[in-house]
């Protein structure tokens, strides 16, 4: 309370403390019942200050010269030392700083980089010896090239690029990057405008990669490849400049031809699509026809190989049989010739409808059509009904069968019963072809 009353200007006895009765301010006009004058206030304030500094607070002090400002007395050495110590402590305490998570503090000593402080409560030498700059290394920075905010807000000076086949394309892409964990010093000191450097590097890399590719590749199939190549090239340039920046993503938002040639380009695209459709149809037809042709060719090859194997095997069999016949013929020429003749005639006569009757009786009154009767008898033998009706001897079929049996027995027995077969040929034998006769 005493300290508060010390600076109470509304107190009539301000500065007197109720003890200074010899103050000559009472004799001045206006002192009774009013505030003291300015000189008296200043003297009282001076005495209070001297009391705080150890010079004593009571008694009358020297009066300041009239019409001039009073001079404060000099402070005591103890007070000055305390003030110096407090000032040093406050100066040292100003070196404490709190670094937030995801940030680092880059410390410079007299303007030269010394070290980097991580997140948490850190200390450095106070200003002006050390100074620090806080850099956010976890924030993902993003900027657009070729547009601003929306694809409609185009920046043609950035988006129009020339391709390898001398066409112009409108490329709009987005670049995202962040600082490396140890790249804060390089980000601050190696480049004057690091963010603008990233923009220029990204645009330069995109123009270089697009200039190496044809227009169709950039528009359709090569967007992902172009973005990857741009990211790698831009990162190599930034590493060469030692910017401390890591590019995270290069995303192509839109690629199209210029608006002036958009209609013509759409027609060209439709023509290209028709061409691709026809090519696909041709490939589908070829895929259908070629396997069929290959299958037919393989089947014909297999058939020809089978026929070749059959003919070769049959020829080899005939050769082997002929060799065996030659061997047997060498052993018994007459018997072998006779047997071969009989076998040949049997094969010939079994396939013909002619009937030969060799009878000693000269009766040529044969009215029955023996060839047709034999054919009918052969058909009757193949059917079960004919075999079950064999007991009816009075039918024409039975008569034909009997006649055929007589003719067959006569024909088959005549060569064996005729004595001419053993040596001298008869007139009938002279009319027959015998390839083995002399």
Protein backbone atom coordinates (compact mmCIF):
# COMPACT_ATOMS: atom_id res chain seq x y z
CA UNK A 1 0.00 0.00 0.00
CA UNK A 2 2.88 2.27 0.73
CA UNK A 3 4.29 1.75 -2.72
CA UNK A 4 0.89 2.50 -4.27
CA UNK A 5 0.51 5.68 -2.25
CA UNK A 6 3.91 6.74 -3.50
CA UNK A 7 2.54 7.40 -7.00
CA UNK A 8 -0.95 8.60 -5.99
CA UNK A 9 -1.26 12.04 -7.60
CA UNK A 10 -4.66 12.76 -6.01
CA UNK A 11 -3.15 12.70 -2.52
CA UNK A 12 -2.73 16.36 -1.19
CA UNK A 13 0.31 15.25 0.74
CA UNK A 14 1.78 13.26 -2.14
CA UNK A 15 5.47 12.78 -1.51
CA UNK A 16 5.35 14.18 2.07
CA UNK A 17 4.26 11.02 3.88
CA UNK A 18 2.74 13.29 6.55
CA UNK A 19 6.15 14.13 8.08
CA UNK A 20 7.64 16.99 6.08
CA UNK A 21 6.11 20.01 7.86
CA UNK A 22 8.86 22.45 6.85
CA UNK A 23 8.01 22.29 3.14
CA UNK A 24 7.80 25.82 1.82
CA UNK A 25 5.12 24.84 -0.64
CA UNK A 26 2.52 25.82 1.93
CA UNK A 27 3.44 29.46 1.50
CA UNK A 28 2.84 29.30 -2.22
CA UNK A 29 -0.47 30.42 -3.53
CA UNK A 30 -2.96 27.72 -4.27
CA UNK A 31 -1.45 25.26 -1.82
CA UNK A 32 -4.27 25.41 0.66
CA UNK A 33 -6.83 22.80 -0.31
CA UNK A 34 -5.33 22.14 -3.81
CA UNK A 35 -2.76 19.94 -5.48
CA UNK A 36 0.94 20.86 -5.22
CA UNK A 37 2.71 22.59 -8.03
CA UNK A 38 4.91 20.80 -10.57
CA UNK A 39 8.23 21.69 -8.91
CA UNK A 40 7.09 20.25 -5.62
CA UNK A 41 5.91 17.06 -7.29
CA UNK A 42 9.26 16.65 -9.01
CA UNK A 43 11.21 17.21 -5.76
CA UNK A 44 9.09 14.67 -3.92
CA UNK A 45 9.57 12.16 -6.72
CA UNK A 46 13.34 12.76 -6.63
CA UNK A 47 13.47 12.15 -2.92
CA UNK A 48 11.56 8.88 -3.29
CA UNK A 49 13.96 7.67 -5.94
CA UNK A 50 16.96 8.58 -3.79
CA UNK A 51 15.41 6.68 -0.90
CA UNK A 52 15.07 3.59 -3.08
CA UNK A 53 18.72 3.92 -4.17
CA UNK A 54 19.97 4.06 -0.60
CA UNK A 55 20.61 7.79 -0.36
CA UNK A 56 17.99 8.33 2.34
CA UNK A 57 14.40 9.36 1.78
CA UNK A 58 13.87 12.01 4.50
CA UNK A 59 14.89 15.63 4.86
CA UNK A 60 14.98 18.28 2.33
CA UNK A 61 16.97 17.75 -0.75
CA UNK A 62 18.66 20.30 -2.89
CA UNK A 63 16.35 22.42 -4.84
CA UNK A 64 16.60 22.35 -8.53
CA UNK A 65 17.37 25.61 -10.19
CA UNK A 66 14.35 27.68 -10.94
CA UNK A 67 13.30 27.51 -14.54
CA UNK A 68 15.49 24.38 -15.25
CA UNK A 69 15.02 20.59 -15.14
CA UNK A 70 16.39 18.73 -12.11
CA UNK A 71 19.20 16.16 -12.48
CA UNK A 72 18.78 12.62 -11.11
CA UNK A 73 21.49 11.44 -8.79
CA UNK A 74 23.78 8.62 -9.95
CA UNK A 75 22.76 4.99 -9.08
CA UNK A 76 24.63 2.86 -6.61
CA UNK A 77 27.08 0.19 -7.88
CA UNK A 78 25.08 -2.60 -6.28
CA UNK A 79 21.96 -1.63 -8.15
CA UNK A 80 23.87 -1.37 -11.41
CA UNK A 81 25.33 -4.86 -10.89
CA UNK A 82 21.90 -6.29 -10.21
CA UNK A 83 20.55 -4.66 -13.33
CA UNK A 84 23.45 -6.03 -15.38
CA UNK A 85 22.95 -9.55 -14.02
CA UNK A 86 19.23 -9.42 -14.71
CA UNK A 87 19.86 -8.14 -18.22
CA UNK A 88 22.39 -10.94 -18.88
CA UNK A 89 19.97 -13.57 -17.63
CA UNK A 90 17.18 -12.17 -19.78
CA UNK A 91 19.51 -12.07 -22.77
CA UNK A 92 20.56 -15.68 -22.25
CA UNK A 93 16.93 -16.73 -21.76
CA UNK A 94 16.06 -15.22 -25.12
CA UNK A 95 18.10 -18.01 -26.71
CA UNK A 96 15.46 -20.63 -25.84
CA UNK A 97 13.02 -21.55 -28.61
CA UNK A 98 10.39 -24.24 -29.21
CA UNK A 99 10.51 -26.07 -32.54
CA UNK A 100 7.21 -27.64 -33.55
CA UNK A 101 6.82 -31.19 -34.84
CA UNK A 102 7.59 -31.44 -38.55
CA UNK A 103 9.80 -28.35 -38.44
CA UNK A 104 13.50 -27.63 -37.99
CA UNK A 105 15.37 -24.50 -36.91
CA UNK A 106 18.36 -23.47 -39.02
CA UNK A 107 20.89 -21.67 -36.81
CA UNK A 108 23.34 -19.12 -38.19
CA UNK A 109 26.16 -17.46 -36.25
CA UNK A 110 26.91 -13.98 -37.48
CA UNK A 111 25.12 -14.92 -40.70
CA UNK A 112 26.98 -18.21 -41.30
CA UNK A 113 25.22 -21.57 -41.03
CA UNK A 114 26.33 -23.66 -38.06
CA UNK A 115 23.79 -26.39 -37.30
CA UNK A 116 20.12 -27.43 -37.43
CA UNK A 117 17.87 -27.92 -34.41
CA UNK A 118 15.17 -30.59 -34.37
CA UNK A 119 11.67 -30.48 -32.84
CA UNK A 120 11.32 -29.71 -29.12
CA UNK A 121 12.70 -27.15 -26.66
CA UNK A 122 16.08 -25.99 -27.98
CA UNK A 123 18.62 -23.36 -27.06
CA UNK A 124 21.07 -21.31 -29.05
CA UNK A 125 23.19 -18.29 -28.37
CA UNK A 126 20.99 -15.21 -28.21
CA UNK A 127 20.78 -12.52 -30.81
CA UNK A 128 22.91 -10.98 -32.30
CA UNK A 129 25.41 -13.84 -32.02
CA UNK A 130 23.09 -16.61 -33.23
CA UNK A 131 19.93 -16.36 -35.24
CA UNK A 132 17.46 -19.06 -36.30
CA UNK A 133 14.91 -19.57 -39.04
CA UNK A 134 12.14 -22.15 -38.71
CA UNK A 135 11.45 -24.26 -41.82
CA UNK A 136 8.56 -26.69 -42.25
CA UNK A 137 9.95 -29.88 -43.81
CA UNK A 138 6.78 -32.00 -43.54
CA UNK A 139 4.41 -29.77 -45.51
CA UNK A 140 3.60 -30.94 -49.03
CA UNK A 141 3.91 -28.01 -51.38
CA UNK A 142 1.90 -27.93 -54.63
CA UNK A 143 1.83 -25.72 -57.69
CA UNK A 144 0.18 -25.88 -61.12
CA UNK A 145 1.81 -25.41 -64.50
CA UNK A 146 -0.33 -24.41 -67.48
CA UNK A 147 -3.42 -23.47 -65.47
CA UNK A 148 -4.50 -21.88 -62.21
CA UNK A 149 -7.12 -23.49 -60.03
CA UNK A 150 -9.23 -24.94 -62.86
CA UNK A 151 -8.50 -26.41 -66.27
CA UNK A 152 -10.45 -23.57 -67.86
CA UNK A 153 -8.08 -20.97 -66.45
CA UNK A 154 -5.29 -21.73 -68.87
CA UNK A 155 -1.87 -20.12 -68.96
CA UNK A 156 -0.92 -20.66 -72.60
CA UNK A 157 2.61 -19.38 -72.15
CA UNK A 158 3.26 -22.33 -69.84
CA UNK A 159 1.09 -25.06 -71.37
CA UNK A 160 1.81 -24.90 -75.13
CA UNK A 161 4.69 -27.23 -76.04
CA UNK A 162 6.24 -28.59 -79.24
CA UNK A 163 6.47 -32.35 -79.87
CA UNK A 164 8.99 -34.38 -81.82
CA UNK A 165 6.79 -34.54 -84.94
CA UNK A 166 6.45 -30.72 -85.00
CA UNK A 167 2.97 -30.58 -83.49
CA UNK A 168 1.78 -28.36 -80.65
CA UNK A 169 0.07 -29.80 -77.57
CA UNK A 170 -1.51 -28.13 -74.57
CA UNK A 171 -0.10 -29.80 -71.42
CA UNK A 172 -1.41 -29.02 -67.93
CA UNK A 173 0.21 -30.74 -64.97
CA UNK A 174 0.64 -30.47 -61.20
CA UNK A 175 3.88 -30.84 -59.22
CA UNK A 176 4.03 -31.77 -55.52
CA UNK A 177 7.25 -31.55 -53.54
CA UNK A 178 8.58 -31.31 -49.99
CA UNK A 179 11.93 -30.64 -48.34
CA UNK A 180 14.39 -33.37 -47.52
CA UNK A 181 15.01 -34.02 -43.80
CA UNK A 182 18.48 -32.49 -44.16
CA UNK A 183 17.63 -30.04 -46.93
CA UNK A 184 16.50 -27.01 -44.91
CA UNK A 185 19.92 -25.22 -45.05
CA UNK A 186 20.19 -25.81 -48.80
CA UNK A 187 16.60 -24.63 -49.26
CA UNK A 188 17.37 -21.34 -47.46
CA UNK A 189 20.87 -20.49 -48.65
CA UNK A 190 21.67 -22.21 -51.97
CA UNK A 191 18.95 -20.55 -54.05
CA UNK A 192 17.39 -17.14 -53.75
CA UNK A 193 13.86 -18.28 -54.72
CA UNK A 194 13.63 -22.04 -54.23
CA UNK A 195 9.90 -22.39 -54.91
CA UNK A 196 10.14 -20.47 -58.17
CA UNK A 197 13.18 -22.57 -59.07
CA UNK A 198 11.11 -25.74 -58.71
CA UNK A 199 8.44 -24.29 -61.02
CA UNK A 200 10.96 -23.36 -63.69
CA UNK A 201 12.76 -26.69 -63.43
CA UNK A 202 9.49 -28.64 -63.76
CA UNK A 203 8.41 -26.66 -66.80
CA UNK A 204 11.83 -27.06 -68.42
CA UNK A 205 11.83 -30.82 -67.84
CA UNK A 206 8.31 -31.18 -69.26
CA UNK A 207 9.22 -29.25 -72.41
CA UNK A 208 12.32 -31.37 -72.93
CA UNK A 209 10.53 -34.70 -72.51
CA UNK A 210 7.54 -33.67 -74.68
CA UNK A 211 9.97 -32.46 -77.34
CA UNK A 212 11.40 -35.98 -77.57
CA UNK A 213 8.05 -37.75 -78.01
CA UNK A 214 5.52 -37.82 -80.88
CA UNK A 215 2.14 -36.22 -80.44
CA UNK A 216 0.08 -39.43 -80.33
CA UNK A 217 2.34 -40.87 -77.65
CA UNK A 218 1.92 -37.82 -75.43
CA UNK A 219 -1.85 -37.65 -75.95
CA UNK A 220 -2.78 -41.29 -75.43
CA UNK A 221 -0.48 -44.09 -74.42
CA UNK A 222 2.50 -42.27 -72.91
CA UNK A 223 1.11 -40.01 -70.19
CA UNK A 224 2.40 -42.11 -67.30
CA UNK A 225 5.80 -42.60 -68.91
CA UNK A 226 6.11 -38.87 -69.67
CA UNK A 227 5.24 -37.95 -66.06
CA UNK A 228 7.83 -40.41 -64.71
CA UNK A 229 10.56 -39.10 -67.00
CA UNK A 230 9.73 -35.49 -66.09
CA UNK A 231 9.95 -36.28 -62.38
CA UNK A 232 13.33 -37.98 -62.76
CA UNK A 233 14.77 -35.22 -64.94
CA UNK A 234 13.52 -32.41 -62.66
CA UNK A 235 14.87 -34.19 -59.58
CA UNK A 236 18.30 -34.57 -61.18
CA UNK A 237 18.38 -30.84 -61.99
CA UNK A 238 17.36 -29.87 -58.44
CA UNK A 239 20.00 -32.21 -56.99
CA UNK A 240 22.61 -30.64 -59.24
CA UNK A 241 21.64 -27.19 -57.92
CA UNK A 242 21.63 -28.55 -54.32
CA UNK A 243 18.25 -27.11 -53.43
CA UNK A 244 17.37 -29.72 -50.78
CA UNK A 245 13.98 -30.36 -52.44
CA UNK A 246 12.43 -33.77 -53.09
CA UNK A 247 9.76 -33.99 -55.83
CA UNK A 248 6.98 -36.33 -54.74
CA UNK A 249 4.59 -36.42 -57.70
CA UNK A 250 4.23 -35.11 -61.23
CA UNK A 251 0.62 -35.60 -62.36
CA UNK A 252 -0.52 -34.69 -65.87
CA UNK A 253 -4.05 -33.28 -65.57
CA UNK A 254 -4.92 -32.66 -69.21
CA UNK A 255 -3.25 -33.05 -72.61
CA UNK A 256 -5.00 -31.88 -75.75
CA UNK A 257 -4.24 -30.15 -79.03
CA UNK A 258 -4.73 -26.39 -79.29
CA UNK A 259 -8.30 -25.13 -79.54
CA UNK A 260 -7.73 -23.75 -83.05
CA UNK A 261 -7.18 -27.25 -84.49
CA UNK A 262 -9.45 -29.21 -82.16
CA UNK A 263 -12.07 -30.01 -84.84
CA UNK A 264 -9.52 -31.21 -87.39
CA UNK A 265 -7.81 -33.23 -84.72
CA UNK A 266 -11.11 -34.91 -83.77
CA UNK A 267 -11.58 -35.95 -87.40
CA UNK A 268 -8.07 -37.35 -87.46
CA UNK A 269 -8.77 -39.24 -84.25
CA UNK A 270 -11.94 -40.76 -85.72
CA UNK A 271 -10.03 -41.82 -88.83
CA UNK A 272 -7.37 -43.39 -86.64
CA UNK A 273 -10.02 -45.24 -84.68
CA UNK A 274 -11.58 -46.56 -87.90
CA UNK A 275 -8.17 -47.71 -89.02
CA UNK A 276 -7.59 -49.49 -85.74
CA UNK A 277 -11.01 -51.11 -85.98
CA UNK A 278 -10.32 -52.41 -89.47
CA UNK A 279 -6.92 -53.66 -88.38
CA UNK A 280 -8.52 -55.49 -85.47
CA UNK A 281 -11.13 -57.03 -87.74
CA UNK A 282 -8.42 -58.16 -90.14
CA UNK A 283 -6.44 -59.65 -87.29
CA UNK A 284 -9.55 -61.44 -86.04
CA UNK A 285 -10.24 -62.87 -89.50
CA UNK A 286 -6.62 -63.93 -89.88
CA UNK A 287 -6.74 -65.54 -86.46
CA UNK A 288 -9.77 -67.51 -87.60
CA UNK A 289 -8.59 -68.51 -91.09
CA UNK A 290 -4.96 -69.31 -90.38
CA UNK A 291 -5.64 -72.04 -87.79
CA UNK A 292 -8.16 -73.67 -90.13
CA UNK A 293 -5.69 -73.59 -93.01
CA UNK A 294 -2.95 -74.93 -90.80
CA UNK A 295 -5.25 -77.71 -89.61
CA UNK A 296 -6.19 -78.65 -93.17
CA UNK A 297 -2.54 -78.60 -94.21
CA UNK A 298 -1.63 -80.80 -91.25
CA UNK A 299 -4.48 -83.21 -92.09
CA UNK A 300 -3.40 -83.42 -95.75
CA UNK A 301 0.18 -84.00 -94.67
CA UNK A 302 -0.90 -86.77 -92.36
CA UNK A 303 -3.10 -88.33 -95.05
CA UNK A 304 -0.26 -88.21 -97.53
CA UNK A 305 2.09 -89.73 -95.00
CA UNK A 306 -0.46 -92.46 -94.30
CA UNK A 307 -0.95 -93.13 -98.02
CA UNK A 308 2.81 -93.19 -98.49
CA UNK A 309 3.19 -95.66 -95.64
CA UNK A 310 0.34 -97.77 -97.08
CA UNK A 311 1.79 -97.86 -100.61
CA UNK A 312 5.28 -98.54 -99.34
CA UNK A 313 4.04 -101.31 -97.07
CA UNK A 314 1.92 -102.85 -99.84
CA UNK A 315 4.86 -102.71 -102.24
CA UNK A 316 7.15 -104.26 -99.68
CA UNK A 317 4.54 -106.97 -99.04
CA UNK A 318 4.18 -107.67 -102.77
CA UNK A 319 7.93 -107.81 -103.05
CA UNK A 320 8.19 -110.22 -100.15
CA UNK A 321 5.40 -112.39 -101.61
CA UNK A 322 7.02 -112.38 -105.03
CA UNK A 323 10.32 -113.41 -103.47
CA UNK A 324 8.62 -116.30 -101.66
CA UNK A 325 6.82 -117.32 -104.90
CA UNK A 326 10.11 -117.24 -106.79
CA UNK A 327 11.64 -119.49 -104.14
CA UNK A 328 8.78 -121.98 -104.33
CA UNK A 329 8.73 -121.80 -108.12
CA UNK A 330 12.40 -122.69 -108.20
CA UNK A 331 11.65 -125.77 -106.15
CA UNK A 332 8.62 -127.03 -108.19
CA UNK A 333 7.93 -124.97 -111.32
CA UNK A 334 5.03 -127.06 -112.70
CA UNK A 335 3.08 -127.28 -109.48
CA UNK A 336 3.61 -123.66 -108.69
CA UNK A 337 2.52 -122.60 -112.16
CA UNK A 338 -0.60 -124.74 -111.91
CA UNK A 339 -1.50 -123.36 -108.50
CA UNK A 340 -1.01 -119.80 -109.63
CA UNK A 341 -3.14 -120.39 -112.69
CA UNK A 342 -5.97 -121.80 -110.67
CA UNK A 343 -5.81 -118.99 -108.16
CA UNK A 344 -5.84 -116.40 -110.92
CA UNK A 345 -8.84 -117.93 -112.64
CA UNK A 346 -10.66 -118.18 -109.35
CA UNK A 347 -10.13 -114.49 -108.72
CA UNK A 348 -11.28 -113.59 -112.23
CA UNK A 349 -14.35 -115.82 -112.41
CA UNK A 350 -15.56 -114.90 -108.92
CA UNK A 351 -16.08 -111.29 -110.05
CA UNK A 352 -17.87 -112.02 -113.35
CA UNK A 353 -21.40 -113.05 -114.25
CA UNK A 354 -20.42 -115.31 -117.11
CA UNK A 355 -21.22 -119.01 -116.86
CA UNK A 356 -19.02 -121.56 -118.57
CA UNK A 357 -20.40 -125.11 -119.02
CA UNK A 358 -17.95 -127.83 -119.81
CA UNK A 359 -19.99 -130.93 -120.65
CA UNK A 360 -19.15 -133.93 -122.79
CA UNK A 361 -22.70 -134.06 -124.10
CA UNK A 362 -23.16 -131.75 -127.05
CA UNK A 363 -26.49 -130.31 -125.99
CA UNK A 364 -26.64 -126.56 -126.24
CA UNK A 365 -30.36 -126.23 -125.57
CA UNK A 366 -30.05 -124.01 -122.52
CA UNK A 367 -32.93 -121.64 -122.29
CA UNK A 368 -32.57 -120.48 -118.72
CA UNK A 369 -30.77 -117.18 -118.06
CA UNK A 370 -28.16 -118.75 -115.90
CA UNK A 371 -26.34 -115.49 -115.10
CA UNK A 372 -29.44 -113.87 -113.66
CA UNK A 373 -30.37 -117.02 -111.84
CA UNK A 374 -26.97 -117.04 -110.16
CA UNK A 375 -27.29 -113.38 -109.19
CA UNK A 376 -30.69 -114.02 -107.66
CA UNK A 377 -29.32 -117.02 -105.81
CA UNK A 378 -26.52 -114.90 -104.38
CA UNK A 379 -29.06 -112.36 -103.13
CA UNK A 380 -31.17 -115.12 -101.63
CA UNK A 381 -28.19 -116.48 -99.73
CA UNK A 382 -27.61 -113.09 -98.10
CA UNK A 383 -31.20 -112.89 -96.75
CA UNK A 384 -32.48 -115.14 -93.89
CA UNK A 385 -35.73 -115.72 -95.72
CA UNK A 386 -33.98 -117.37 -98.59
CA UNK A 387 -32.15 -119.76 -96.26
CA UNK A 388 -35.36 -120.87 -94.53
CA UNK A 389 -37.24 -121.48 -97.79
CA UNK A 390 -34.68 -123.83 -99.26
CA UNK A 391 -37.01 -126.85 -98.87
CA UNK A 392 -39.36 -125.63 -101.60
CA UNK A 393 -37.69 -127.33 -104.51
CA UNK A 394 -40.39 -126.43 -106.99
CA UNK A 395 -39.74 -122.70 -106.94
CA UNK A 396 -37.66 -120.92 -109.60
CA UNK A 397 -35.13 -119.85 -106.97
CA UNK A 398 -34.55 -123.45 -105.96
CA UNK A 399 -34.16 -124.46 -109.56
CA UNK A 400 -31.69 -121.62 -110.19
CA UNK A 401 -29.71 -122.55 -107.10
CA UNK A 402 -29.57 -126.14 -108.23
CA UNK A 403 -28.42 -125.13 -111.69
CA UNK A 404 -25.77 -122.84 -110.27
CA UNK A 405 -24.53 -125.62 -108.00
CA UNK A 406 -24.32 -128.01 -110.93
CA UNK A 407 -22.49 -125.42 -113.03
CA UNK A 408 -20.07 -124.62 -110.20
CA UNK A 409 -19.34 -128.26 -109.55
CA UNK A 410 -18.87 -128.90 -113.21
CA UNK A 411 -16.60 -125.89 -113.63
CA UNK A 412 -14.49 -126.60 -110.60
CA UNK A 413 -14.19 -130.32 -111.32
CA UNK A 414 -13.43 -130.11 -115.01
CA UNK A 415 -9.78 -128.96 -114.68
CA UNK A 416 -9.01 -131.70 -112.23
CA UNK A 417 -10.89 -134.49 -114.07
CA UNK A 418 -9.59 -133.61 -117.52
CA UNK A 419 -6.41 -135.48 -118.33
CA UNK A 420 -5.36 -132.58 -120.55
CA UNK A 421 -4.72 -130.40 -117.50
CA UNK A 422 -1.77 -132.50 -116.50
CA UNK A 423 0.14 -132.22 -119.70
CA UNK A 424 -1.42 -131.38 -123.04
CA UNK A 425 -3.70 -128.30 -123.15
CA UNK A 426 -7.12 -128.65 -124.72
CA UNK A 427 -8.93 -126.28 -127.07
CA UNK A 428 -10.61 -124.51 -124.20
CA UNK A 429 -7.29 -123.85 -122.45
CA UNK A 430 -5.87 -122.37 -125.58
CA UNK A 431 -8.53 -119.68 -125.50
CA UNK A 432 -7.63 -118.60 -121.93
CA UNK A 433 -4.82 -116.31 -120.97
CA UNK A 434 -2.10 -118.00 -118.91
CA UNK A 435 0.78 -115.62 -118.11
CA UNK A 436 2.86 -118.45 -116.71
CA UNK A 437 2.58 -120.81 -119.74
CA UNK A 438 5.38 -121.27 -122.18
